[in-house]
N, C-alpha and C. Protein backbone atom coordinates (compact mmCIF):
# COMPACT_ATOMS: atom_id res chain seq x y z
N VAL A 1 -17.92 -45.96 13.55
CA VAL A 1 -17.76 -45.36 14.46
C VAL A 1 -18.10 -44.21 15.15
N ALA A 2 -18.27 -43.56 13.71
CA ALA A 2 -18.39 -41.78 14.43
C ALA A 2 -20.46 -42.17 14.23
N GLN A 3 -20.68 -42.68 13.61
CA GLN A 3 -21.81 -42.92 13.41
C GLN A 3 -22.63 -42.74 14.51
N SER A 4 -22.48 -44.10 15.20
CA SER A 4 -22.53 -44.89 16.55
C SER A 4 -22.26 -44.01 17.72
N VAL A 5 -21.35 -42.37 17.81
CA VAL A 5 -21.21 -42.36 18.25
C VAL A 5 -22.19 -41.35 18.72
N PRO A 6 -23.30 -40.69 20.13
CA PRO A 6 -24.00 -39.74 19.89
C PRO A 6 -23.40 -37.80 19.69
N PHE A 7 -23.97 -37.08 19.34
CA PHE A 7 -23.52 -35.48 19.02
C PHE A 7 -24.79 -34.94 18.85
N SER A 8 -24.43 -33.72 20.14
CA SER A 8 -25.31 -32.61 20.42
C SER A 8 -24.46 -31.28 20.58
N ALA A 9 -25.17 -30.34 19.71
CA ALA A 9 -24.19 -28.84 19.86
C ALA A 9 -25.32 -28.24 19.64
N THR A 10 -25.22 -26.76 19.95
CA THR A 10 -25.84 -25.31 19.89
C THR A 10 -25.59 -25.69 18.52
N GLY A 11 -27.41 -24.78 17.95
CA GLY A 11 -27.18 -24.85 16.32
C GLY A 11 -27.20 -25.78 15.35
N PHE A 12 -26.98 -27.12 16.02
CA PHE A 12 -26.95 -28.55 15.04
C PHE A 12 -28.27 -29.22 15.21
N THR A 13 -28.00 -30.39 13.85
CA THR A 13 -29.43 -30.48 13.89
C THR A 13 -28.92 -32.32 13.78
N ALA A 14 -27.92 -32.05 13.89
CA ALA A 14 -27.05 -33.51 13.59
C ALA A 14 -27.30 -34.49 15.05
N LYS A 15 -27.33 -35.56 15.14
CA LYS A 15 -28.30 -36.65 16.13
C LYS A 15 -26.22 -37.53 16.65
N ASN A 16 -25.21 -37.27 15.87
CA ASN A 16 -24.26 -38.81 16.17
C ASN A 16 -23.38 -37.50 15.45
N VAL A 17 -21.33 -38.41 15.28
CA VAL A 17 -20.47 -37.49 15.11
C VAL A 17 -19.90 -37.14 13.91
N LYS A 18 -20.66 -38.75 12.78
CA LYS A 18 -20.81 -38.13 11.44
C LYS A 18 -20.91 -37.50 10.67
N ASP A 19 -22.49 -36.64 11.23
CA ASP A 19 -23.34 -36.09 10.25
C ASP A 19 -23.30 -35.07 10.96
N GLY A 20 -22.80 -34.53 12.18
CA GLY A 20 -22.40 -33.49 12.60
C GLY A 20 -20.65 -33.21 12.44
N ILE A 21 -19.96 -33.68 11.68
CA ILE A 21 -18.60 -33.32 10.99
C ILE A 21 -19.27 -32.87 9.37
N ILE A 22 -19.78 -33.74 9.10
CA ILE A 22 -21.01 -33.20 7.33
C ILE A 22 -21.29 -31.79 7.71
N GLU A 23 -22.28 -31.98 8.96
CA GLU A 23 -22.80 -30.42 9.00
C GLU A 23 -21.71 -29.15 8.98
N ALA A 24 -21.15 -29.54 9.74
CA ALA A 24 -20.05 -28.75 9.75
C ALA A 24 -19.59 -28.00 8.77
N LYS A 25 -19.21 -29.11 7.63
CA LYS A 25 -18.11 -28.58 7.25
C LYS A 25 -19.37 -27.69 5.63
N GLN A 26 -19.91 -28.18 5.80
CA GLN A 26 -20.77 -27.51 5.01
C GLN A 26 -21.56 -26.30 5.54
N ASN A 27 -21.68 -26.25 6.29
CA ASN A 27 -22.05 -24.78 6.49
C ASN A 27 -20.78 -23.83 6.74
N ALA A 28 -19.53 -24.26 6.70
CA ALA A 28 -18.13 -23.97 6.79
C ALA A 28 -17.73 -22.90 5.53
N GLU A 29 -17.89 -23.92 4.80
CA GLU A 29 -17.82 -23.63 2.91
C GLU A 29 -18.38 -22.77 2.55
N GLY A 30 -16.78 -22.02 2.45
CA GLY A 30 -17.27 -20.51 1.49
C GLY A 30 -17.27 -19.15 2.63
N PHE A 31 -16.95 -19.90 3.83
CA PHE A 31 -16.50 -18.64 5.14
C PHE A 31 -15.29 -18.62 4.92
N PRO A 32 -14.84 -17.59 5.81
CA PRO A 32 -15.29 -16.43 5.30
C PRO A 32 -15.04 -15.98 4.17
N ARG A 33 -16.05 -14.91 3.41
CA ARG A 33 -16.43 -14.23 2.26
C ARG A 33 -15.32 -13.38 2.52
N ALA A 34 -15.02 -12.39 0.61
CA ALA A 34 -14.39 -11.62 1.09
C ALA A 34 -14.56 -10.73 -0.39
N GLY A 35 -14.66 -9.31 -0.38
CA GLY A 35 -14.50 -8.31 -1.62
C GLY A 35 -13.86 -7.81 -1.74
N ILE A 36 -13.91 -8.16 -3.79
CA ILE A 36 -13.17 -7.18 -4.06
C ILE A 36 -14.21 -6.39 -4.86
N SER A 37 -13.38 -5.34 -4.63
CA SER A 37 -14.51 -3.88 -4.78
C SER A 37 -14.15 -3.23 -6.51
N LEU A 38 -14.34 -2.76 -7.17
CA LEU A 38 -14.32 -1.80 -8.45
C LEU A 38 -14.89 -0.85 -8.41
N VAL A 39 -14.10 0.14 -8.59
CA VAL A 39 -14.66 1.56 -8.48
C VAL A 39 -14.37 2.27 -10.20
N MET A 40 -15.24 3.52 -9.89
CA MET A 40 -14.99 4.03 -11.46
C MET A 40 -15.66 5.63 -10.81
N ASN A 41 -14.34 6.20 -11.39
CA ASN A 41 -14.52 7.90 -11.07
C ASN A 41 -15.48 8.87 -11.81
N GLY A 42 -16.27 9.56 -11.79
CA GLY A 42 -16.73 10.56 -12.41
C GLY A 42 -18.29 9.51 -13.35
N THR A 43 -19.13 9.73 -14.47
CA THR A 43 -20.31 9.27 -14.70
C THR A 43 -19.76 7.67 -15.64
N VAL A 44 -20.73 6.96 -14.73
CA VAL A 44 -20.00 5.51 -16.23
C VAL A 44 -21.06 5.61 -17.39
N GLY A 45 -19.98 5.63 -18.24
CA GLY A 45 -20.67 5.47 -19.99
C GLY A 45 -21.24 4.00 -20.50
N ASN A 46 -21.88 4.33 -21.29
CA ASN A 46 -22.13 3.05 -21.98
C ASN A 46 -21.05 2.07 -22.72
N ASN A 47 -20.79 0.68 -22.68
CA ASN A 47 -19.92 -0.11 -22.34
C ASN A 47 -18.47 -0.10 -22.16
N ASN A 48 -18.94 0.59 -20.47
CA ASN A 48 -16.96 1.01 -20.00
C ASN A 48 -16.79 -0.01 -19.02
N TRP A 49 -15.61 -0.45 -18.92
CA TRP A 49 -15.23 -1.45 -18.73
C TRP A 49 -14.93 -1.52 -17.41
N VAL A 50 -15.98 -2.08 -16.18
CA VAL A 50 -16.04 -1.40 -15.00
C VAL A 50 -15.02 -2.81 -14.29
N THR A 51 -14.11 -1.66 -13.52
CA THR A 51 -12.63 -3.14 -13.19
C THR A 51 -11.94 -2.90 -11.81
N TYR A 52 -10.97 -2.99 -11.34
CA TYR A 52 -10.41 -2.59 -10.58
C TYR A 52 -10.87 -0.63 -9.64
N SER A 53 -10.22 0.39 -11.00
CA SER A 53 -10.32 1.74 -10.96
C SER A 53 -10.37 2.10 -12.76
N GLU A 54 -10.56 3.05 -13.07
CA GLU A 54 -10.89 3.20 -14.24
C GLU A 54 -9.38 3.50 -14.65
N LEU A 55 -8.62 3.99 -13.64
CA LEU A 55 -7.28 4.09 -14.36
C LEU A 55 -6.54 2.40 -14.97
N THR A 56 -7.49 1.93 -14.68
CA THR A 56 -7.25 0.11 -14.69
C THR A 56 -8.27 -0.65 -16.32
N PRO A 57 -8.56 0.29 -16.89
CA PRO A 57 -10.07 -0.34 -17.55
C PRO A 57 -10.11 -1.30 -18.63
N ASN A 58 -8.90 -1.88 -18.26
CA ASN A 58 -9.12 -3.15 -19.29
C ASN A 58 -8.32 -4.69 -18.77
N VAL A 59 -8.22 -4.19 -16.97
CA VAL A 59 -7.62 -5.32 -16.85
C VAL A 59 -8.44 -5.94 -16.10
N PRO A 60 -8.19 -7.73 -16.19
CA PRO A 60 -9.39 -8.43 -15.73
C PRO A 60 -9.68 -9.26 -14.42
N ILE A 61 -10.33 -9.36 -13.61
CA ILE A 61 -10.46 -9.53 -12.37
C ILE A 61 -9.71 -11.39 -12.45
N VAL A 62 -8.56 -11.22 -11.86
CA VAL A 62 -7.72 -13.40 -11.65
C VAL A 62 -8.86 -13.96 -10.94
N PHE A 63 -9.03 -14.87 -10.76
CA PHE A 63 -9.09 -15.76 -9.79
C PHE A 63 -8.14 -16.56 -9.26
N PRO A 64 -7.49 -16.31 -7.41
CA PRO A 64 -6.05 -17.42 -7.72
C PRO A 64 -6.75 -18.35 -6.99
N VAL A 65 -7.90 -18.81 -6.65
CA VAL A 65 -8.42 -20.16 -6.32
C VAL A 65 -9.60 -20.57 -6.40
N LYS A 66 -10.22 -22.03 -6.42
CA LYS A 66 -11.44 -21.86 -7.52
C LYS A 66 -12.93 -21.12 -5.59
N THR A 67 -13.09 -20.69 -6.69
CA THR A 67 -13.63 -19.00 -5.73
C THR A 67 -15.88 -19.28 -7.00
N GLN A 68 -16.25 -19.02 -5.74
CA GLN A 68 -17.60 -18.40 -6.43
C GLN A 68 -17.66 -17.19 -5.97
N LEU A 69 -18.91 -17.18 -6.82
CA LEU A 69 -19.09 -15.33 -6.64
C LEU A 69 -20.65 -15.24 -6.27
N LYS A 70 -20.42 -15.09 -4.67
CA LYS A 70 -22.11 -15.10 -3.62
C LYS A 70 -22.56 -14.43 -3.60
N GLU A 71 -22.26 -13.32 -3.83
CA GLU A 71 -23.39 -11.47 -3.64
C GLU A 71 -22.65 -10.96 -4.70
N ILE A 72 -23.29 -9.89 -5.05
CA ILE A 72 -23.45 -8.66 -5.64
C ILE A 72 -23.70 -6.83 -4.37
N SER A 73 -22.71 -6.23 -4.58
CA SER A 73 -23.89 -4.65 -4.37
C SER A 73 -23.06 -3.53 -5.21
N PHE A 74 -23.77 -2.60 -4.96
CA PHE A 74 -23.26 -1.45 -5.38
C PHE A 74 -23.79 0.11 -4.82
N ALA A 75 -23.66 0.76 -5.09
CA ALA A 75 -23.66 2.21 -4.32
C ALA A 75 -23.03 3.17 -5.40
N ASN A 76 -23.66 4.20 -5.31
CA ASN A 76 -22.95 5.66 -6.11
C ASN A 76 -23.92 7.16 -5.79
N ASN A 77 -23.38 8.05 -6.68
CA ASN A 77 -23.97 9.66 -5.62
C ASN A 77 -25.26 9.55 -6.71
N THR A 78 -25.95 8.99 -7.43
CA THR A 78 -26.79 9.30 -8.23
C THR A 78 -27.93 8.18 -8.38
N ASN A 79 -29.67 9.06 -8.03
CA ASN A 79 -30.47 8.45 -7.20
C ASN A 79 -31.31 7.34 -8.66
N ASN A 80 -31.95 6.86 -8.73
CA ASN A 80 -32.57 6.47 -9.95
C ASN A 80 -31.97 5.41 -11.12
N VAL A 81 -30.68 4.86 -10.62
CA VAL A 81 -29.78 4.46 -11.83
C VAL A 81 -30.69 3.26 -12.84
N GLN A 82 -30.37 2.96 -13.89
CA GLN A 82 -30.72 1.48 -14.10
C GLN A 82 -29.25 1.60 -15.74
N PHE A 83 -29.02 0.88 -15.13
CA PHE A 83 -28.41 -0.78 -16.44
C PHE A 83 -27.71 -2.01 -15.69
N ASN A 84 -27.46 -2.51 -17.05
CA ASN A 84 -26.85 -3.86 -17.13
C ASN A 84 -25.43 -3.37 -16.84
N LEU A 85 -24.99 -4.63 -16.11
CA LEU A 85 -23.87 -5.30 -15.68
C LEU A 85 -23.71 -6.90 -16.22
N GLU A 86 -22.74 -6.65 -17.31
CA GLU A 86 -22.52 -7.96 -18.33
C GLU A 86 -21.26 -8.98 -17.51
N PHE A 87 -21.19 -9.87 -17.01
CA PHE A 87 -20.44 -10.25 -16.94
C PHE A 87 -19.38 -11.23 -18.08
N TYR A 88 -18.06 -11.60 -18.67
CA TYR A 88 -17.54 -12.05 -19.44
C TYR A 88 -16.37 -13.04 -18.43
N LYS A 89 -16.19 -13.99 -19.09
CA LYS A 89 -15.38 -15.34 -18.58
C LYS A 89 -14.70 -14.97 -19.08
N ASN A 90 -13.43 -15.73 -19.49
CA ASN A 90 -12.02 -16.16 -20.01
C ASN A 90 -12.57 -15.54 -21.59
N GLY A 91 -11.70 -16.43 -22.52
CA GLY A 91 -12.09 -16.30 -24.03
C GLY A 91 -11.56 -15.21 -24.53
N ILE A 92 -11.45 -15.20 -26.09
CA ILE A 92 -10.41 -13.80 -26.47
C ILE A 92 -11.43 -12.47 -26.20
N ALA A 93 -10.16 -11.52 -26.03
CA ALA A 93 -11.15 -10.47 -26.40
C ALA A 93 -11.71 -9.71 -24.72
N GLY A 94 -13.77 -9.77 -24.81
CA GLY A 94 -14.33 -9.84 -24.08
C GLY A 94 -14.02 -10.44 -22.91
N GLY A 95 -13.86 -11.84 -23.68
CA GLY A 95 -14.97 -13.21 -23.17
C GLY A 95 -15.67 -14.10 -23.39
N ASN A 96 -16.28 -14.56 -22.94
CA ASN A 96 -17.72 -15.67 -22.87
C ASN A 96 -18.48 -14.91 -22.56
N LEU A 97 -20.01 -14.65 -22.63
CA LEU A 97 -20.94 -14.13 -21.55
C LEU A 97 -21.67 -15.09 -20.73
N ILE A 98 -21.51 -15.24 -19.67
CA ILE A 98 -21.82 -15.71 -18.64
C ILE A 98 -23.08 -15.12 -17.65
N TYR A 99 -23.45 -13.91 -17.37
CA TYR A 99 -24.10 -13.49 -16.18
C TYR A 99 -24.53 -11.88 -16.71
N THR A 100 -25.64 -12.02 -16.92
CA THR A 100 -26.28 -10.18 -16.77
C THR A 100 -26.54 -9.75 -15.58
N TRP A 101 -26.46 -8.83 -15.31
CA TRP A 101 -26.73 -8.68 -13.70
C TRP A 101 -28.00 -7.09 -14.22
N SER A 102 -28.87 -7.76 -14.15
CA SER A 102 -29.41 -5.86 -14.34
C SER A 102 -30.33 -4.98 -13.58
N VAL A 103 -29.68 -3.58 -13.31
CA VAL A 103 -30.01 -2.95 -11.77
C VAL A 103 -31.08 -2.08 -12.17
N ASN A 104 -31.75 -1.71 -11.19
CA ASN A 104 -33.01 -0.58 -11.55
C ASN A 104 -33.54 0.13 -9.45
N THR A 105 -32.22 0.55 -9.07
CA THR A 105 -32.26 1.00 -8.14
C THR A 105 -33.70 2.24 -7.57
N GLY A 106 -34.59 2.08 -8.34
CA GLY A 106 -36.02 2.84 -8.19
C GLY A 106 -35.72 4.72 -7.94
N ALA A 107 -36.54 5.59 -7.46
CA ALA A 107 -36.88 6.85 -6.81
C ALA A 107 -35.77 6.99 -6.04
N GLY A 108 -35.16 7.87 -5.55
CA GLY A 108 -34.58 8.17 -4.46
C GLY A 108 -33.74 7.65 -3.64
N ILE A 109 -32.69 6.47 -4.60
CA ILE A 109 -32.18 5.43 -4.07
C ILE A 109 -31.05 5.15 -4.89
N ASN A 110 -30.08 5.02 -3.79
CA ASN A 110 -28.43 5.14 -5.87
C ASN A 110 -27.70 3.67 -4.92
N TYR A 111 -28.27 2.54 -4.25
CA TYR A 111 -27.76 1.76 -4.29
C TYR A 111 -28.50 0.03 -4.17
N LYS A 112 -27.76 -1.12 -4.27
CA LYS A 112 -28.54 -2.12 -4.78
C LYS A 112 -27.38 -3.50 -4.13
N TYR A 113 -28.44 -4.91 -3.53
CA TYR A 113 -27.28 -5.71 -3.19
C TYR A 113 -28.23 -6.97 -4.04
N GLU A 114 -27.32 -7.19 -4.20
CA GLU A 114 -28.53 -9.26 -4.57
C GLU A 114 -27.46 -10.54 -4.30
N ASP A 115 -28.44 -11.46 -3.86
CA ASP A 115 -27.30 -12.26 -3.60
C ASP A 115 -27.11 -13.33 -4.71
N LEU A 116 -26.52 -13.57 -5.21
CA LEU A 116 -25.89 -14.33 -7.02
C LEU A 116 -26.03 -15.95 -6.24
N SER A 117 -25.65 -16.27 -5.30
CA SER A 117 -25.29 -18.22 -4.76
C SER A 117 -26.21 -18.69 -5.15
N SER A 118 -27.47 -18.56 -6.22
CA SER A 118 -28.74 -19.03 -7.01
C SER A 118 -27.84 -19.23 -8.66
N GLN A 119 -27.26 -18.58 -8.67
CA GLN A 119 -26.95 -17.90 -9.70
C GLN A 119 -25.60 -19.02 -10.62
N ASN A 120 -24.82 -20.37 -9.04
CA ASN A 120 -23.51 -20.91 -9.69
C ASN A 120 -22.11 -20.84 -10.59
N LEU A 121 -22.18 -19.01 -10.59
CA LEU A 121 -21.08 -18.62 -10.61
C LEU A 121 -19.57 -19.17 -10.38
N ILE A 122 -19.24 -20.16 -10.55
CA ILE A 122 -17.94 -20.47 -10.40
C ILE A 122 -16.78 -20.32 -11.15
N PHE A 123 -15.52 -20.30 -10.64
CA PHE A 123 -14.82 -20.00 -11.38
C PHE A 123 -13.47 -20.52 -10.59
N ASN A 124 -12.21 -20.91 -11.25
CA ASN A 124 -11.80 -22.37 -11.45
C ASN A 124 -10.10 -21.54 -10.99
N ALA A 125 -8.87 -21.86 -10.21
CA ALA A 125 -7.94 -20.99 -10.14
C ALA A 125 -7.94 -20.08 -11.51
N GLY A 126 -7.29 -19.14 -11.54
CA GLY A 126 -6.39 -18.64 -13.30
C GLY A 126 -7.95 -18.37 -13.64
N ASP A 127 -8.92 -18.61 -13.50
CA ASP A 127 -9.81 -17.17 -14.35
C ASP A 127 -10.00 -15.91 -13.97
N TRP A 128 -10.63 -15.42 -15.05
CA TRP A 128 -11.09 -14.43 -15.18
C TRP A 128 -12.13 -13.79 -15.76
N ILE A 129 -12.72 -12.21 -14.88
CA ILE A 129 -13.97 -11.96 -16.12
C ILE A 129 -13.51 -10.12 -15.90
N ARG A 130 -14.30 -10.26 -16.50
CA ARG A 130 -14.57 -8.92 -17.23
C ARG A 130 -16.25 -8.63 -16.85
N LEU A 131 -15.85 -6.91 -16.06
CA LEU A 131 -17.55 -6.62 -16.44
C LEU A 131 -17.88 -5.30 -17.18
N LEU A 132 -19.11 -5.80 -17.50
CA LEU A 132 -19.37 -3.82 -19.17
C LEU A 132 -20.49 -3.97 -19.00
N TYR A 133 -20.81 -2.18 -18.75
CA TYR A 133 -21.90 -1.68 -17.86
C TYR A 133 -22.04 -1.29 -19.56
N LYS A 134 -23.18 -1.54 -19.10
CA LYS A 134 -24.41 -1.72 -20.39
C LYS A 134 -26.13 -0.57 -19.88
N ASP A 135 -25.64 0.90 -19.76
CA ASP A 135 -26.38 2.01 -20.19
C ASP A 135 -27.93 1.68 -20.40
N THR A 136 -29.32 1.30 -18.87
CA THR A 136 -30.96 1.74 -19.21
C THR A 136 -31.09 2.09 -19.49
N GLY A 137 -30.48 3.08 -18.90
CA GLY A 137 -31.88 4.78 -18.32
C GLY A 137 -30.47 5.59 -17.82
N THR A 138 -30.96 5.92 -16.14
CA THR A 138 -29.79 7.05 -15.39
C THR A 138 -28.12 6.44 -15.69
N ASN A 139 -26.79 6.86 -15.60
CA ASN A 139 -26.15 6.91 -15.44
C ASN A 139 -25.55 6.62 -14.03
N ALA A 140 -24.71 5.90 -13.33
CA ALA A 140 -24.07 6.01 -12.42
C ALA A 140 -22.95 6.67 -12.30
N ALA A 141 -22.87 6.90 -11.26
CA ALA A 141 -21.53 8.14 -11.40
C ALA A 141 -20.89 8.20 -9.73
N ASP A 142 -19.56 7.85 -9.97
CA ASP A 142 -18.91 7.89 -9.06
C ASP A 142 -19.06 6.33 -8.56
N GLY A 143 -19.35 5.30 -8.75
CA GLY A 143 -20.15 4.56 -9.13
C GLY A 143 -19.20 2.97 -7.68
N VAL A 144 -19.50 2.06 -7.20
CA VAL A 144 -19.06 0.95 -6.06
C VAL A 144 -19.31 -0.04 -6.28
N TRP A 145 -18.37 -1.38 -7.33
CA TRP A 145 -19.06 -2.06 -6.43
C TRP A 145 -18.16 -3.23 -6.37
N VAL A 146 -18.91 -3.88 -5.58
CA VAL A 146 -18.09 -5.09 -3.62
C VAL A 146 -18.71 -6.03 -5.22
N LEU A 147 -17.96 -6.70 -5.66
CA LEU A 147 -18.01 -8.59 -5.78
C LEU A 147 -17.73 -9.23 -4.50
N TRP A 148 -18.94 -10.48 -3.65
CA TRP A 148 -18.68 -10.72 -2.46
C TRP A 148 -18.00 -11.99 -3.52
N ILE A 149 -17.40 -13.19 -2.54
CA ILE A 149 -16.72 -14.26 -3.27
C ILE A 149 -16.35 -15.56 -1.78
N ALA A 150 -16.54 -16.52 -2.19
CA ALA A 150 -16.19 -17.18 -1.36
C ALA A 150 -14.62 -18.54 -1.85
N ARG A 151 -14.11 -18.74 -1.25
CA ARG A 151 -13.05 -19.91 -1.53
C ARG A 151 -14.51 -21.16 -1.25
N ILE A 152 -14.20 -21.87 -2.68
CA ILE A 152 -14.69 -23.03 -2.29
C ILE A 152 -13.91 -24.52 -2.74
N PRO A 153 -14.55 -25.72 -2.44
CA PRO A 153 -12.76 -26.55 -2.41
C PRO A 153 -13.44 -27.55 -3.92
């Protein structure tokens, strides 16, 4: 019946109630996003685990619900930083490498943002990740990474 009921609302392309419900669901999934802040005070060294704080270097990030990593942002006190951030999921010890984020901020820049939605980094409740810093140039100093996540069905 909903498919035969006309529908019109600003911002929607749906022409009937059924399609309007589907469109609303698709556009609402993943919102709101939440940020998980990871902090490293001082200079980050090669093979350092990046986590909530350098005070807890071996603590993984555990997801309480089914989650997708949507974006990542980084900022620090050093310009022209180059590094890789390796994402390890579950497994024994470090986990299984699932993604590598390569960062080269460029001269005079001390931040970077990237949309990771297309990487399909999905985690079930209870999954965990750890992030390993791999130096490929100038080391970051007083770095902050924010993992932007969204709950998914």
